[in-house]
């Protein structure tokens, strides 16, 4: 399971990506996150992010009837959301690269190729 502190900065971008793939509602977002290996992310964690994304005009909601219970809010990306998602992906690639560089260097040191200071 991914520690919650590590998830905090990533969930917004991941939720935008889930919404980009398919108009969806909060419970379905939590199911998708679990399906992709994020663990059980409660709707109580997802709703504040959704509200922040709405206030930032990155997503919009459409109320639709549900087969099981009250109407649901289905979310879709706006132009601002598309731009924010592209920026998140770019930032993620930079972070992933930096972390991979760090860990590859550490692994080389552990394999006896010297110390980090010698490199």
PDB file of N, CA and C in Angstrom:
ATOM      1  N   UNK A   1       0.838  -1.176   0.000  1.00  0.00           N
ATOM      2  CA  UNK A   1       0.000   0.000   0.000  1.00  0.00           C
ATOM      3  C   UNK A   1       0.888   1.247   0.000  1.00  0.00           C
ATOM      4  N   UNK A   2       0.503   2.240  -0.788  1.00  0.00           N
ATOM      5  CA  UNK A   2       1.269   3.475  -0.902  1.00  0.00           C
ATOM      6  C   UNK A   2       0.942   4.363   0.299  1.00  0.00           C
ATOM      7  N   UNK A   3       1.957   4.853   1.016  1.00  0.00           N
ATOM      8  CA  UNK A   3       1.683   5.717   2.174  1.00  0.00           C
ATOM      9  C   UNK A   3       0.916   6.980   1.768  1.00  0.00           C
ATOM     10  N   UNK A   4      -0.002   7.410   2.627  1.00  0.00           N
ATOM     11  CA  UNK A   4      -0.878   8.534   2.295  1.00  0.00           C
ATOM     12  C   UNK A   4      -0.103   9.822   2.029  1.00  0.00           C
ATOM     13  N   UNK A   5       1.011  10.041   2.717  1.00  0.00           N
ATOM     14  CA  UNK A   5       1.793  11.253   2.483  1.00  0.00           C
ATOM     15  C   UNK A   5       2.330  11.288   1.051  1.00  0.00           C
ATOM     16  N   UNK A   6       2.706  10.134   0.511  1.00  0.00           N
ATOM     17  CA  UNK A   6       3.201  10.087  -0.864  1.00  0.00           C
ATOM     18  C   UNK A   6       2.070  10.334  -1.854  1.00  0.00           C
ATOM     19  N   UNK A   7       0.881   9.894  -1.511  1.00  0.00           N
ATOM     20  CA  UNK A   7      -0.259  10.034  -2.409  1.00  0.00           C
ATOM     21  C   UNK A   7      -0.784  11.459  -2.510  1.00  0.00           C
ATOM     22  N   UNK A   8      -0.673  12.219  -1.433  1.00  0.00           N
ATOM     23  CA  UNK A   8      -1.313  13.535  -1.370  1.00  0.00           C
ATOM     24  C   UNK A   8      -1.017  14.415  -2.574  1.00  0.00           C
ATOM     25  N   UNK A   9       0.213  14.507  -2.965  1.00  0.00           N
ATOM     26  CA  UNK A   9       0.565  15.370  -4.080  1.00  0.00           C
ATOM     27  C   UNK A   9       0.221  14.807  -5.442  1.00  0.00           C
ATOM     28  N   UNK A  10      -0.056  13.522  -5.495  1.00  0.00           N
ATOM     29  CA  UNK A  10      -0.292  12.880  -6.789  1.00  0.00           C
ATOM     30  C   UNK A  10      -1.756  12.675  -7.121  1.00  0.00           C
ATOM     31  N   UNK A  11      -2.593  12.624  -6.117  1.00  0.00           N
ATOM     32  CA  UNK A  11      -3.991  12.255  -6.352  1.00  0.00           C
ATOM     33  C   UNK A  11      -4.723  13.210  -7.286  1.00  0.00           C
ATOM     34  N   UNK A  12      -4.441  14.498  -7.170  1.00  0.00           N
ATOM     35  CA  UNK A  12      -5.145  15.465  -8.019  1.00  0.00           C
ATOM     36  C   UNK A  12      -4.928  15.141  -9.501  1.00  0.00           C
ATOM     37  N   UNK A  13      -3.688  14.935  -9.888  1.00  0.00           N
ATOM     38  CA  UNK A  13      -3.384  14.598 -11.279  1.00  0.00           C
ATOM     39  C   UNK A  13      -3.958  13.258 -11.690  1.00  0.00           C
ATOM     40  N   UNK A  14      -3.934  12.299 -10.774  1.00  0.00           N
ATOM     41  CA  UNK A  14      -4.474  10.968 -11.078  1.00  0.00           C
ATOM     42  C   UNK A  14      -5.994  11.028 -11.255  1.00  0.00           C
ATOM     43  N   UNK A  15      -6.655  11.834 -10.438  1.00  0.00           N
ATOM     44  CA  UNK A  15      -8.105  11.995 -10.576  1.00  0.00           C
ATOM     45  C   UNK A  15      -8.434  12.687 -11.897  1.00  0.00           C
ATOM     46  N   UNK A  16      -7.654  13.688 -12.263  1.00  0.00           N
ATOM     47  CA  UNK A  16      -7.867  14.336 -13.566  1.00  0.00           C
ATOM     48  C   UNK A  16      -7.730  13.318 -14.699  1.00  0.00           C
ATOM     49  N   UNK A  17      -6.754  12.442 -14.609  1.00  0.00           N
ATOM     50  CA  UNK A  17      -6.557  11.425 -15.663  1.00  0.00           C
ATOM     51  C   UNK A  17      -7.729  10.454 -15.721  1.00  0.00           C
ATOM     52  N   UNK A  18      -8.231  10.042 -14.577  1.00  0.00           N
ATOM     53  CA  UNK A  18      -9.391   9.139 -14.559  1.00  0.00           C
ATOM     54  C   UNK A  18     -10.595   9.815 -15.200  1.00  0.00           C
ATOM     55  N   UNK A  19     -10.809  11.079 -14.864  1.00  0.00           N
ATOM     56  CA  UNK A  19     -11.938  11.819 -15.436  1.00  0.00           C
ATOM     57  C   UNK A  19     -11.732  12.041 -16.938  1.00  0.00           C
ATOM     58  N   UNK A  20     -10.482  12.253 -17.361  1.00  0.00           N
ATOM     59  CA  UNK A  20     -10.202  12.428 -18.793  1.00  0.00           C
ATOM     60  C   UNK A  20     -10.609  11.188 -19.583  1.00  0.00           C
ATOM     61  N   UNK A  21     -10.343  10.030 -19.009  1.00  0.00           N
ATOM     62  CA  UNK A  21     -10.632   8.783 -19.712  1.00  0.00           C
ATOM     63  C   UNK A  21     -12.127   8.547 -19.885  1.00  0.00           C
ATOM     64  N   UNK A  22     -12.922   9.023 -18.903  1.00  0.00           N
ATOM     65  CA  UNK A  22     -14.355   8.731 -18.934  1.00  0.00           C
ATOM     66  C   UNK A  22     -15.074   9.630 -17.935  1.00  0.00           C
ATOM     67  N   UNK A  23     -16.155  10.270 -18.372  1.00  0.00           N
ATOM     68  CA  UNK A  23     -16.970  11.030 -17.426  1.00  0.00           C
ATOM     69  C   UNK A  23     -17.380  10.090 -16.305  1.00  0.00           C
ATOM     70  N   UNK A  24     -17.222  10.521 -15.074  1.00  0.00           N
ATOM     71  CA  UNK A  24     -17.405   9.597 -13.969  1.00  0.00           C
ATOM     72  C   UNK A  24     -17.824  10.323 -12.705  1.00  0.00           C
ATOM     73  N   UNK A  25     -18.171   9.571 -11.675  1.00  0.00           N
ATOM     74  CA  UNK A  25     -18.609  10.123 -10.388  1.00  0.00           C
ATOM     75  C   UNK A  25     -17.631   9.674  -9.301  1.00  0.00           C
ATOM     76  N   UNK A  26     -17.747  10.283  -8.112  1.00  0.00           N
ATOM     77  CA  UNK A  26     -16.735  10.127  -7.057  1.00  0.00           C
ATOM     78  C   UNK A  26     -16.497   8.674  -6.650  1.00  0.00           C
ATOM     79  N   UNK A  27     -17.552   7.904  -6.434  1.00  0.00           N
ATOM     80  CA  UNK A  27     -17.361   6.522  -6.000  1.00  0.00           C
ATOM     81  C   UNK A  27     -16.607   5.723  -7.062  1.00  0.00           C
ATOM     82  N   UNK A  28     -16.943   5.966  -8.312  1.00  0.00           N
ATOM     83  CA  UNK A  28     -16.274   5.261  -9.406  1.00  0.00           C
ATOM     84  C   UNK A  28     -14.795   5.670  -9.495  1.00  0.00           C
ATOM     85  N   UNK A  29     -14.495   6.921  -9.167  1.00  0.00           N
ATOM     86  CA  UNK A  29     -13.102   7.370  -9.134  1.00  0.00           C
ATOM     87  C   UNK A  29     -12.326   6.570  -8.093  1.00  0.00           C
ATOM     88  N   UNK A  30     -12.916   6.402  -6.907  1.00  0.00           N
ATOM     89  CA  UNK A  30     -12.221   5.629  -5.859  1.00  0.00           C
ATOM     90  C   UNK A  30     -12.025   4.180  -6.302  1.00  0.00           C
ATOM     91  N   UNK A  31     -13.004   3.615  -6.996  1.00  0.00           N
ATOM     92  CA  UNK A  31     -12.859   2.243  -7.503  1.00  0.00           C
ATOM     93  C   UNK A  31     -11.729   2.154  -8.532  1.00  0.00           C
ATOM     94  N   UNK A  32     -11.655   3.146  -9.408  1.00  0.00           N
ATOM     95  CA  UNK A  32     -10.609   3.149 -10.426  1.00  0.00           C
ATOM     96  C   UNK A  32      -9.214   3.275  -9.792  1.00  0.00           C
ATOM     97  N   UNK A  33      -9.095   4.150  -8.805  1.00  0.00           N
ATOM     98  CA  UNK A  33      -7.811   4.292  -8.119  1.00  0.00           C
ATOM     99  C   UNK A  33      -7.386   2.969  -7.492  1.00  0.00           C
ATOM    100  N   UNK A  34      -8.330   2.281  -6.871  1.00  0.00           N
ATOM    101  CA  UNK A  34      -8.007   0.978  -6.264  1.00  0.00           C
ATOM    102  C   UNK A  34      -7.616  -0.028  -7.343  1.00  0.00           C
ATOM    103  N   UNK A  35      -8.332  -0.021  -8.445  1.00  0.00           N
ATOM    104  CA  UNK A  35      -8.034  -0.942  -9.555  1.00  0.00           C
ATOM    105  C   UNK A  35      -6.609  -0.744 -10.071  1.00  0.00           C
ATOM    106  N   UNK A  36      -6.142   0.498 -10.106  1.00  0.00           N
ATOM    107  CA  UNK A  36      -4.807   0.795 -10.604  1.00  0.00           C
ATOM    108  C   UNK A  36      -3.717   0.602  -9.549  1.00  0.00           C
ATOM    109  N   UNK A  37      -4.093   0.181  -8.348  1.00  0.00           N
ATOM    110  CA  UNK A  37      -3.094  -0.159  -7.346  1.00  0.00           C
ATOM    111  C   UNK A  37      -2.825   0.902  -6.289  1.00  0.00           C
ATOM    112  N   UNK A  38      -3.670   1.912  -6.201  1.00  0.00           N
ATOM    113  CA  UNK A  38      -3.480   2.961  -5.206  1.00  0.00           C
ATOM    114  C   UNK A  38      -3.994   2.562  -3.827  1.00  0.00           C
ATOM    115  N   UNK A  39      -4.640   1.444  -3.720  1.00  0.00           N
ATOM    116  CA  UNK A  39      -5.231   1.041  -2.452  1.00  0.00           C
ATOM    117  C   UNK A  39      -6.619   1.643  -2.310  1.00  0.00           C
ATOM    118  N   UNK A  40      -7.208   1.455  -1.150  1.00  0.00           N
ATOM    119  CA  UNK A  40      -8.562   1.953  -0.906  1.00  0.00           C
ATOM    120  C   UNK A  40      -8.488   3.438  -0.547  1.00  0.00           C
ATOM    121  N   UNK A  41      -8.891   4.272  -1.477  1.00  0.00           N
ATOM    122  CA  UNK A  41      -8.937   5.719  -1.254  1.00  0.00           C
ATOM    123  C   UNK A  41     -10.402   6.066  -1.017  1.00  0.00           C
ATOM    124  N   UNK A  42     -10.694   6.580   0.155  1.00  0.00           N
ATOM    125  CA  UNK A  42     -12.087   6.838   0.518  1.00  0.00           C
ATOM    126  C   UNK A  42     -12.633   8.045  -0.243  1.00  0.00           C
ATOM    127  N   UNK A  43     -13.955   8.072  -0.361  1.00  0.00           N
ATOM    128  CA  UNK A  43     -14.608   9.220  -0.977  1.00  0.00           C
ATOM    129  C   UNK A  43     -14.354  10.473  -0.137  1.00  0.00           C
ATOM    130  N   UNK A  44     -14.141  10.301   1.165  1.00  0.00           N
ATOM    131  CA  UNK A  44     -13.816  11.424   2.036  1.00  0.00           C
ATOM    132  C   UNK A  44     -12.487  12.079   1.680  1.00  0.00           C
ATOM    133  N   UNK A  45     -11.621  11.344   1.039  1.00  0.00           N
ATOM    134  CA  UNK A  45     -10.356  11.892   0.533  1.00  0.00           C
ATOM    135  C   UNK A  45     -10.562  12.494  -0.849  1.00  0.00           C
ATOM    136  N   UNK A  46     -11.409  11.858  -1.632  1.00  0.00           N
ATOM    137  CA  UNK A  46     -11.626  12.280  -3.017  1.00  0.00           C
ATOM    138  C   UNK A  46     -12.464  13.555  -3.111  1.00  0.00           C
ATOM    139  N   UNK A  47     -13.505  13.688  -2.289  1.00  0.00           N
ATOM    140  CA  UNK A  47     -14.399  14.841  -2.393  1.00  0.00           C
ATOM    141  C   UNK A  47     -13.686  16.181  -2.231  1.00  0.00           C
ATOM    142  N   UNK A  48     -12.808  16.373  -1.237  1.00  0.00           N
ATOM    143  CA  UNK A  48     -12.121  17.670  -1.144  1.00  0.00           C
ATOM    144  C   UNK A  48     -11.287  17.993  -2.391  1.00  0.00           C
ATOM    145  N   UNK A  49     -10.699  16.965  -2.995  1.00  0.00           N
ATOM    146  CA  UNK A  49      -9.923  17.175  -4.223  1.00  0.00           C
ATOM    147  C   UNK A  49     -10.857  17.575  -5.352  1.00  0.00           C
ATOM    148  N   UNK A  50     -11.990  16.906  -5.454  1.00  0.00           N
ATOM    149  CA  UNK A  50     -12.966  17.241  -6.489  1.00  0.00           C
ATOM    150  C   UNK A  50     -13.453  18.681  -6.312  1.00  0.00           C
ATOM    151  N   UNK A  51     -13.732  19.069  -5.082  1.00  0.00           N
ATOM    152  CA  UNK A  51     -14.167  20.453  -4.828  1.00  0.00           C
ATOM    153  C   UNK A  51     -13.087  21.455  -5.242  1.00  0.00           C
ATOM    154  N   UNK A  52     -11.842  21.151  -4.932  1.00  0.00           N
ATOM    155  CA  UNK A  52     -10.730  22.023  -5.315  1.00  0.00           C
ATOM    156  C   UNK A  52     -10.614  22.110  -6.839  1.00  0.00           C
ATOM    157  N   UNK A  53     -10.781  20.977  -7.518  1.00  0.00           N
ATOM    158  CA  UNK A  53     -10.716  20.965  -8.977  1.00  0.00           C
ATOM    159  C   UNK A  53     -11.872  21.762  -9.585  1.00  0.00           C
ATOM    160  N   UNK A  54     -13.050  21.675  -8.963  1.00  0.00           N
ATOM    161  CA  UNK A  54     -14.194  22.453  -9.443  1.00  0.00           C
ATOM    162  C   UNK A  54     -13.963  23.951  -9.227  1.00  0.00           C
ATOM    163  N   UNK A  55     -13.491  24.318  -8.041  1.00  0.00           N
ATOM    164  CA  UNK A  55     -13.224  25.735  -7.755  1.00  0.00           C
ATOM    165  C   UNK A  55     -12.155  26.287  -8.687  1.00  0.00           C
ATOM    166  N   UNK A  56     -11.215  25.460  -9.058  1.00  0.00           N
ATOM    167  CA  UNK A  56     -10.168  25.856  -9.996  1.00  0.00           C
ATOM    168  C   UNK A  56     -10.615  25.783 -11.437  1.00  0.00           C
ATOM    169  N   UNK A  57     -11.874  25.443 -11.646  1.00  0.00           N
ATOM    170  CA  UNK A  57     -12.489  25.335 -12.980  1.00  0.00           C
ATOM    171  C   UNK A  57     -11.775  24.326 -13.881  1.00  0.00           C
ATOM    172  N   UNK A  58     -11.244  23.268 -13.266  1.00  0.00           N
ATOM    173  CA  UNK A  58     -10.584  22.218 -14.034  1.00  0.00           C
ATOM    174  C   UNK A  58     -11.542  21.089 -14.400  1.00  0.00           C
ATOM    175  N   UNK A  59     -12.614  20.954 -13.605  1.00  0.00           N
ATOM    176  CA  UNK A  59     -13.668  19.977 -13.911  1.00  0.00           C
ATOM    177  C   UNK A  59     -15.019  20.649 -13.723  1.00  0.00           C
ATOM    178  N   UNK A  60     -16.018  20.078 -14.374  1.00  0.00           N
ATOM    179  CA  UNK A  60     -17.405  20.499 -14.213  1.00  0.00           C
ATOM    180  C   UNK A  60     -18.240  19.262 -13.946  1.00  0.00           C
ATOM    181  N   UNK A  61     -19.385  19.479 -13.311  1.00  0.00           N
ATOM    182  CA  UNK A  61     -20.264  18.359 -12.964  1.00  0.00           C
ATOM    183  C   UNK A  61     -21.585  18.481 -13.716  1.00  0.00           C
ATOM    184  N   UNK A  62     -22.129  17.327 -14.051  1.00  0.00           N
ATOM    185  CA  UNK A  62     -23.455  17.215 -14.640  1.00  0.00           C
ATOM    186  C   UNK A  62     -24.234  16.241 -13.769  1.00  0.00           C
ATOM    187  N   UNK A  63     -25.418  16.644 -13.324  1.00  0.00           N
ATOM    188  CA  UNK A  63     -26.265  15.783 -12.499  1.00  0.00           C
ATOM    189  C   UNK A  63     -27.038  14.828 -13.404  1.00  0.00           C
ATOM    190  N   UNK A  64     -26.958  13.534 -13.103  1.00  0.00           N
ATOM    191  CA  UNK A  64     -27.651  12.509 -13.899  1.00  0.00           C
ATOM    192  C   UNK A  64     -28.382  11.555 -12.986  1.00  0.00           C
ATOM    193  N   UNK A  65     -29.474  11.042 -13.482  1.00  0.00           N
ATOM    194  CA  UNK A  65     -30.242  10.032 -12.745  1.00  0.00           C
ATOM    195  C   UNK A  65     -29.389   8.778 -12.569  1.00  0.00           C
ATOM    196  N   UNK A  66     -29.639   8.087 -11.471  1.00  0.00           N
ATOM    197  CA  UNK A  66     -28.931   6.850 -11.177  1.00  0.00           C
ATOM    198  C   UNK A  66     -29.934   5.706 -11.111  1.00  0.00           C
ATOM    199  N   UNK A  67     -29.517   4.534 -11.531  1.00  0.00           N
ATOM    200  CA  UNK A  67     -30.368   3.339 -11.428  1.00  0.00           C
ATOM    201  C   UNK A  67     -30.517   2.884  -9.985  1.00  0.00           C
ATOM    202  N   UNK A  68     -29.557   3.303  -9.146  1.00  0.00           N
ATOM    203  CA  UNK A  68     -29.578   2.862  -7.749  1.00  0.00           C
ATOM    204  C   UNK A  68     -29.427   4.065  -6.815  1.00  0.00           C
ATOM    205  N   UNK A  69     -30.531   4.721  -6.527  1.00  0.00           N
ATOM    206  CA  UNK A  69     -30.489   5.821  -5.572  1.00  0.00           C
ATOM    207  C   UNK A  69     -30.648   7.189  -6.205  1.00  0.00           C
ATOM    208  N   UNK A  70     -30.186   8.205  -5.485  1.00  0.00           N
ATOM    209  CA  UNK A  70     -30.359   9.586  -5.945  1.00  0.00           C
ATOM    210  C   UNK A  70     -29.486   9.899  -7.164  1.00  0.00           C
ATOM    211  N   UNK A  71     -29.770  11.013  -7.829  1.00  0.00           N
ATOM    212  CA  UNK A  71     -28.925  11.410  -8.979  1.00  0.00           C
ATOM    213  C   UNK A  71     -27.469  11.561  -8.558  1.00  0.00           C
ATOM    214  N   UNK A  72     -26.575  11.359  -9.522  1.00  0.00           N
ATOM    215  CA  UNK A  72     -25.133  11.444  -9.273  1.00  0.00           C
ATOM    216  C   UNK A  72     -24.539  12.595 -10.064  1.00  0.00           C
ATOM    217  N   UNK A  73     -23.466  13.164  -9.503  1.00  0.00           N
ATOM    218  CA  UNK A  73     -22.704  14.174 -10.226  1.00  0.00           C
ATOM    219  C   UNK A  73     -21.624  13.460 -11.036  1.00  0.00           C
ATOM    220  N   UNK A  74     -21.705  13.610 -12.342  1.00  0.00           N
ATOM    221  CA  UNK A  74     -20.690  13.078 -13.236  1.00  0.00           C
ATOM    222  C   UNK A  74     -19.749  14.215 -13.615  1.00  0.00           C
ATOM    223  N   UNK A  75     -18.455  13.954 -13.506  1.00  0.00           N
ATOM    224  CA  UNK A  75     -17.455  14.987 -13.733  1.00  0.00           C
ATOM    225  C   UNK A  75     -16.768  14.811 -15.080  1.00  0.00           C
ATOM    226  N   UNK A  76     -16.470  15.938 -15.714  1.00  0.00           N
ATOM    227  CA  UNK A  76     -15.699  15.942 -16.952  1.00  0.00           C
ATOM    228  C   UNK A  76     -14.694  17.086 -16.902  1.00  0.00           C
ATOM    229  N   UNK A  77     -13.630  16.959 -17.697  1.00  0.00           N
ATOM    230  CA  UNK A  77     -12.576  17.976 -17.723  1.00  0.00           C
ATOM    231  C   UNK A  77     -13.010  19.201 -18.514  1.00  0.00           C
ATOM    232  N   UNK A  78     -12.516  20.348 -18.087  1.00  0.00           N
ATOM    233  CA  UNK A  78     -12.656  21.585 -18.844  1.00  0.00           C
ATOM    234  C   UNK A  78     -11.333  21.824 -19.569  1.00  0.00           C
ATOM    235  N   UNK A  79     -11.259  22.903 -20.327  1.00  0.00           N
ATOM    236  CA  UNK A  79      -9.990  23.259 -20.981  1.00  0.00           C
ATOM    237  C   UNK A  79      -8.889  23.464 -19.938  1.00  0.00           C
ATOM    238  N   UNK A  80      -9.225  24.132 -18.831  1.00  0.00           N
ATOM    239  CA  UNK A  80      -8.234  24.328 -17.766  1.00  0.00           C
ATOM    240  C   UNK A  80      -7.783  22.988 -17.195  1.00  0.00           C
ATOM    241  N   UNK A  81      -8.690  22.037 -17.103  1.00  0.00           N
ATOM    242  CA  UNK A  81      -8.357  20.713 -16.599  1.00  0.00           C
ATOM    243  C   UNK A  81      -7.416  19.968 -17.527  1.00  0.00           C
ATOM    244  N   UNK A  82      -7.644  20.127 -18.814  1.00  0.00           N
ATOM    245  CA  UNK A  82      -6.771  19.486 -19.805  1.00  0.00           C
ATOM    246  C   UNK A  82      -5.359  20.051 -19.704  1.00  0.00           C
ATOM    247  N   UNK A  83      -5.273  21.370 -19.555  1.00  0.00           N
ATOM    248  CA  UNK A  83      -3.962  22.019 -19.405  1.00  0.00           C
ATOM    249  C   UNK A  83      -3.296  21.583 -18.097  1.00  0.00           C
ATOM    250  N   UNK A  84      -4.068  21.558 -17.008  1.00  0.00           N
ATOM    251  CA  UNK A  84      -3.520  21.148 -15.706  1.00  0.00           C
ATOM    252  C   UNK A  84      -3.026  19.708 -15.750  1.00  0.00           C
ATOM    253  N   UNK A  85      -3.754  18.833 -16.425  1.00  0.00           N
ATOM    254  CA  UNK A  85      -3.339  17.434 -16.540  1.00  0.00           C
ATOM    255  C   UNK A  85      -2.050  17.316 -17.341  1.00  0.00           C
ATOM    256  N   UNK A  86      -1.942  18.067 -18.416  1.00  0.00           N
ATOM    257  CA  UNK A  86      -0.708  18.037 -19.217  1.00  0.00           C
ATOM    258  C   UNK A  86       0.473  18.513 -18.380  1.00  0.00           C
ATOM    259  N   UNK A  87       0.267  19.545 -17.570  1.00  0.00           N
ATOM    260  CA  UNK A  87       1.331  20.058 -16.701  1.00  0.00           C
ATOM    261  C   UNK A  87       1.703  19.021 -15.641  1.00  0.00           C
ATOM    262  N   UNK A  88       0.686  18.354 -15.076  1.00  0.00           N
ATOM    263  CA  UNK A  88       0.945  17.309 -14.085  1.00  0.00           C
ATOM    264  C   UNK A  88       1.804  16.201 -14.697  1.00  0.00           C
ATOM    265  N   UNK A  89       1.454  15.775 -15.907  1.00  0.00           N
ATOM    266  CA  UNK A  89       2.203  14.700 -16.561  1.00  0.00           C
ATOM    267  C   UNK A  89       3.653  15.115 -16.811  1.00  0.00           C
ATOM    268  N   UNK A  90       3.852  16.358 -17.222  1.00  0.00           N
ATOM    269  CA  UNK A  90       5.203  16.859 -17.446  1.00  0.00           C
ATOM    270  C   UNK A  90       5.989  16.886 -16.132  1.00  0.00           C
ATOM    271  N   UNK A  91       5.356  17.391 -15.086  1.00  0.00           N
ATOM    272  CA  UNK A  91       6.004  17.435 -13.772  1.00  0.00           C
ATOM    273  C   UNK A  91       6.319  16.029 -13.271  1.00  0.00           C
ATOM    274  N   UNK A  92       5.378  15.111 -13.490  1.00  0.00           N
ATOM    275  CA  UNK A  92       5.586  13.732 -13.052  1.00  0.00           C
ATOM    276  C   UNK A  92       6.788  13.118 -13.760  1.00  0.00           C
ATOM    277  N   UNK A  93       6.911  13.342 -15.053  1.00  0.00           N
ATOM    278  CA  UNK A  93       8.044  12.782 -15.799  1.00  0.00           C
ATOM    279  C   UNK A  93       9.367  13.331 -15.287  1.00  0.00           C
ATOM    280  N   UNK A  94       9.409  14.615 -14.968  1.00  0.00           N
ATOM    281  CA  UNK A  94      10.625  15.204 -14.419  1.00  0.00           C
ATOM    282  C   UNK A  94      10.959  14.604 -13.054  1.00  0.00           C
ATOM    283  N   UNK A  95       9.949  14.455 -12.215  1.00  0.00           N
ATOM    284  CA  UNK A  95      10.157  13.869 -10.886  1.00  0.00           C
ATOM    285  C   UNK A  95      10.584  12.409 -10.998  1.00  0.00           C
ATOM    286  N   UNK A  96       9.922  11.658 -11.853  1.00  0.00           N
ATOM    287  CA  UNK A  96      10.258  10.251 -12.050  1.00  0.00           C
ATOM    288  C   UNK A  96      11.708  10.113 -12.520  1.00  0.00           C
ATOM    289  N   UNK A  97      12.114  10.955 -13.447  1.00  0.00           N
ATOM    290  CA  UNK A  97      13.484  10.920 -13.948  1.00  0.00           C
ATOM    291  C   UNK A  97      14.486  11.189 -12.825  1.00  0.00           C
ATOM    292  N   UNK A  98      14.212  12.247 -12.035  1.00  0.00           N
ATOM    293  CA  UNK A  98      15.122  12.608 -10.953  1.00  0.00           C
ATOM    294  C   UNK A  98      15.241  11.489  -9.918  1.00  0.00           C
ATOM    295  N   UNK A  99      14.119  10.907  -9.549  1.00  0.00           N
ATOM    296  CA  UNK A  99      14.132   9.824  -8.557  1.00  0.00           C
ATOM    297  C   UNK A  99      14.870   8.607  -9.114  1.00  0.00           C
ATOM    298  N   UNK A 100      14.601   8.275 -10.360  1.00  0.00           N
ATOM    299  CA  UNK A 100      15.290   7.133 -10.970  1.00  0.00           C
ATOM    300  C   UNK A 100      16.789   7.368 -11.033  1.00  0.00           C
ATOM    301  N   UNK A 101      17.192   8.595 -11.368  1.00  0.00           N
ATOM    302  CA  UNK A 101      18.623   8.908 -11.408  1.00  0.00           C
ATOM    303  C   UNK A 101      19.249   8.709 -10.027  1.00  0.00           C
ATOM    304  N   UNK A 102      18.569   9.209  -9.010  1.00  0.00           N
ATOM    305  CA  UNK A 102      19.069   9.073  -7.645  1.00  0.00           C
ATOM    306  C   UNK A 102      19.217   7.610  -7.262  1.00  0.00           C
ATOM    307  N   UNK A 103      18.183   6.820  -7.486  1.00  0.00           N
ATOM    308  CA  UNK A 103      18.229   5.427  -7.069  1.00  0.00           C
ATOM    309  C   UNK A 103      19.194   4.602  -7.903  1.00  0.00           C
ATOM    310  N   UNK A 104      19.348   4.919  -9.179  1.00  0.00           N
ATOM    311  CA  UNK A 104      20.340   4.187  -9.983  1.00  0.00           C
ATOM    312  C   UNK A 104      21.737   4.472  -9.461  1.00  0.00           C
ATOM    313  N   UNK A 105      22.006   5.727  -9.087  1.00  0.00           N
ATOM    314  CA  UNK A 105      23.308   6.084  -8.538  1.00  0.00           C
ATOM    315  C   UNK A 105      23.552   5.359  -7.218  1.00  0.00           C
ATOM    316  N   UNK A 106      22.540   5.310  -6.383  1.00  0.00           N
ATOM    317  CA  UNK A 106      22.658   4.629  -5.090  1.00  0.00           C
ATOM    318  C   UNK A 106      22.900   3.137  -5.310  1.00  0.00           C
ATOM    319  N   UNK A 107      22.211   2.523  -6.263  1.00  0.00           N
ATOM    320  CA  UNK A 107      22.404   1.099  -6.540  1.00  0.00           C
ATOM    321  C   UNK A 107      23.814   0.825  -7.038  1.00  0.00           C
ATOM    322  N   UNK A 108      24.362   1.717  -7.863  1.00  0.00           N
ATOM    323  CA  UNK A 108      25.731   1.551  -8.352  1.00  0.00           C
ATOM    324  C   UNK A 108      26.712   1.587  -7.189  1.00  0.00           C
ATOM    325  N   UNK A 109      26.490   2.490  -6.248  1.00  0.00           N
ATOM    326  CA  UNK A 109      27.358   2.607  -5.081  1.00  0.00           C
ATOM    327  C   UNK A 109      27.275   1.328  -4.252  1.00  0.00           C
ATOM    328  N   UNK A 110      26.057   0.831  -4.064  1.00  0.00           N
ATOM    329  CA  UNK A 110      25.867  -0.381  -3.262  1.00  0.00           C
ATOM    330  C   UNK A 110      26.513  -1.593  -3.919  1.00  0.00           C
ATOM    331  N   UNK A 111      26.658  -1.561  -5.242  1.00  0.00           N
ATOM    332  CA  UNK A 111      27.266  -2.682  -5.954  1.00  0.00           C
ATOM    333  C   UNK A 111      28.795  -2.588  -5.951  1.00  0.00           C
ATOM    334  N   UNK A 112      29.345  -1.641  -5.208  1.00  0.00           N
ATOM    335  CA  UNK A 112      30.792  -1.559  -5.057  1.00  0.00           C
ATOM    336  C   UNK A 112      31.500  -0.684  -6.051  1.00  0.00           C
ATOM    337  N   UNK A 113      30.794   0.209  -6.690  1.00  0.00           N
ATOM    338  CA  UNK A 113      31.448   1.075  -7.675  1.00  0.00           C
ATOM    339  C   UNK A 113      31.941   2.375  -7.045  1.00  0.00           C
ATOM    340  N   UNK A 114      32.046   2.443  -5.754  1.00  0.00           N
ATOM    341  CA  UNK A 114      32.534   3.651  -5.093  1.00  0.00           C
ATOM    342  C   UNK A 114      31.439   4.296  -4.265  1.00  0.00           C
ATOM    343  N   UNK A 115      31.738   5.473  -3.776  1.00  0.00           N
ATOM    344  CA  UNK A 115      30.759   6.196  -2.987  1.00  0.00           C
ATOM    345  C   UNK A 115      30.138   7.294  -3.839  1.00  0.00           C
ATOM    346  N   UNK A 116      29.031   7.825  -3.378  1.00  0.00           N
ATOM    347  CA  UNK A 116      28.365   8.893  -4.101  1.00  0.00           C
ATOM    348  C   UNK A 116      29.292  10.089  -4.224  1.00  0.00           C
ATOM    349  N   UNK A 117      30.083  10.365  -3.179  1.00  0.00           N
ATOM    350  CA  UNK A 117      30.989  11.514  -3.199  1.00  0.00           C
ATOM    351  C   UNK A 117      32.081  11.361  -4.261  1.00  0.00           C
ATOM    352  N   UNK A 118      32.477  10.105  -4.573  1.00  0.00           N
ATOM    353  CA  UNK A 118      33.524   9.862  -5.555  1.00  0.00           C
ATOM    354  C   UNK A 118      33.042  10.073  -6.976  1.00  0.00           C
ATOM    355  N   UNK A 119      31.784  10.055  -7.202  1.00  0.00           N
ATOM    356  CA  UNK A 119      31.209  10.164  -8.556  1.00  0.00           C
ATOM    357  C   UNK A 119      31.223  11.576  -9.061  1.00  0.00           C
TER     358      UNK A 119
END
